[in-house]
């Protein structure tokens, strides 16, 4: 459905952007620094993986 609404963005590119946004939000969450860093790193790793898939195609 999203591809119909936004035909210029590929699904993996938009998901990567969403994970980058979640990574930034994780830095400002109300959690300990260790938890915030873990969530940030997890989301950034997913975003980088999705972008690498996009480049490989």
Protein backbone atom coordinates (compact mmCIF):
# COMPACT_ATOMS: atom_id res chain seq x y z
CA UNK A 1 0.00 0.00 0.00
CA UNK A 2 2.82 2.42 0.83
CA UNK A 3 4.34 1.93 -2.61
CA UNK A 4 1.13 3.27 -4.12
CA UNK A 5 1.16 6.34 -1.92
CA UNK A 6 4.85 7.13 -2.34
CA UNK A 7 6.07 5.66 -5.62
CA UNK A 8 9.42 7.52 -5.47
CA UNK A 9 10.64 5.76 -2.33
CA UNK A 10 11.52 2.09 -2.32
CA UNK A 11 10.25 0.11 0.66
CA UNK A 12 13.73 -0.60 2.00
CA UNK A 13 14.73 3.06 1.70
CA UNK A 14 11.69 4.22 3.65
CA UNK A 15 12.25 1.51 6.26
CA UNK A 16 15.86 2.62 6.61
CA UNK A 17 14.69 6.19 7.16
CA UNK A 18 12.23 4.95 9.78
CA UNK A 19 14.98 3.07 11.61
CA UNK A 20 17.16 6.19 11.57
CA UNK A 21 14.29 8.15 13.13
CA UNK A 22 13.81 5.45 15.76
CA UNK A 23 17.55 5.54 16.49
CA UNK A 24 17.42 9.29 17.11
CA UNK A 25 14.34 8.88 19.28
CA UNK A 26 16.10 6.17 21.29
CA UNK A 27 18.82 8.63 22.27
CA UNK A 28 16.27 10.89 23.95
CA UNK A 29 14.12 8.23 25.59
CA UNK A 30 13.65 8.03 29.33
CA UNK A 31 15.98 5.08 29.88
CA UNK A 32 19.47 4.49 31.13
CA UNK A 33 22.37 5.51 28.93
CA UNK A 34 23.29 1.88 28.29
CA UNK A 35 19.79 1.03 27.10
CA UNK A 36 19.59 4.14 24.92
CA UNK A 37 22.93 3.33 23.29
CA UNK A 38 21.92 -0.29 22.72
CA UNK A 39 18.64 0.75 21.05
CA UNK A 40 20.41 3.40 18.96
CA UNK A 41 23.03 0.94 17.74
CA UNK A 42 20.41 -1.69 16.97
CA UNK A 43 18.32 0.68 14.84
CA UNK A 44 21.33 2.12 13.06
CA UNK A 45 22.58 -1.38 12.24
CA UNK A 46 19.20 -2.22 10.69
CA UNK A 47 19.19 1.04 8.71
CA UNK A 48 22.70 0.39 7.37
CA UNK A 49 21.75 -3.16 6.42
CA UNK A 50 18.67 -1.97 4.53
CA UNK A 51 20.69 0.69 2.71
CA UNK A 52 23.32 -1.87 1.76
CA UNK A 53 20.58 -4.10 0.32
CA UNK A 54 19.30 -1.13 -1.69
CA UNK A 55 22.75 -0.45 -3.15
CA UNK A 56 23.29 -4.15 -3.96
CA UNK A 57 20.13 -4.28 -6.07
